[in-house]
C-alpha cells in the first residue's frame, strides 16, 4: 500500500513478526532499554518496531541491530543524554535560547549528534527491521508516520517536546513530539498486521492520577489523561487474534514526576538503575508469560 500524504496509509502486511511498541516518557525511557535486554535474553526479536518520542530513539537503535548489541549502544546513548547537554546547560544558555527563539529552551544539536553516533543508519529504509515513528504535524493537526526517508530527522521530529525543543521542518511542514497524538501506538501495530505485540512503556500508565495542585501540573495531568485514554481504547479494541504483552518497569520512587521533571539533568543519573529494574521485572514477567504460552497457547498479558 502506498503512503498517503499524512503517512497513515503504509501497510507492512500480514504475517509480520512480533511488534515492539515503544512509548514516550523522557528519562523514564531508560526502562525500555532494560525491557529490550530482557526480550533478547528470552529469545524474542522484533519483526516490526514502532516508536514515539523517546521510544522513537530507542526503537531506531533496536531496528538497526535487533540484538543485545542494540542494548549496549543504547546504554552508551543514554549515558550521553545526561552529559552531552541535550536537556542540560547553563541557565544563561537556556534563557538565551528562549529569548532568541521565543518558543523553546534547547537546540537539537546535541541529540542529533548522539543519534548519528549511536544509530548505524542514515535512512529508515536501511534499518534491519521495518521501523516507523510518529510525530504531530502542526499544519494538519494530525499524526504523521515516518517509514522512509532520513532517519535522524524523523526521530528528532518524533521527540521534539514542545517548549523544550523546536519543531522540526520536513517537506515544508512542521512536526513536534509524537506523544501528543499517539503515545503508545498499539493500534498502529494492529493496523500493520501484527498478531503478537510487546509494549515497552515507561510506567506512568500503571499509576493513578491525582488532581493538579500547581499551575505547571495542569498541562501534565491533561496530557496524561489523553494518552492513557487512547491506550485504554486501543487495548479494548484489540481483535481476538492479537496478543499484547505489556512489559513491567519495576519502577521505584525515583521514577515519579511529570515530563518536565523527567527531562532534568539529574533524572538521567538514574539511567543504570532504571535499566536494571526494568530488566529484572520484565525477565520475570516474560518467563511466566512465555512458559504459559508454550503450555496452553498464547494469551494476552499485562504488567506486573
Foldseek 3Di string as FASTA:
>chain_A
DDADPQRQPDALDAPQFAEEWEFDFFLLSLLLLLLLVLCQVVVHWGQEYEYFAVRLLLRLLCQQPVHCVSSVLVVVLLVCLLPQPQLDDDPVQQVVVCVVVVKARDECVSVLVSSPVRRPDQWLVNGNHFYWYWWQWPVVRAIGIDRIDGSSLRNCLQNAATHHYAWGDDPNTTTHHRLQHARGPPVSCVRNHHQEYEYHYSAPLVDDDDDDDDPVCNVQSVSVVVNNVVVVVSVVPDDPSHAYEYQAQLDDPLSDDGRVVSNDSVNSVCSVVSSNSSNVRRNVVCVVQVVCCVVPNHHHYYYD
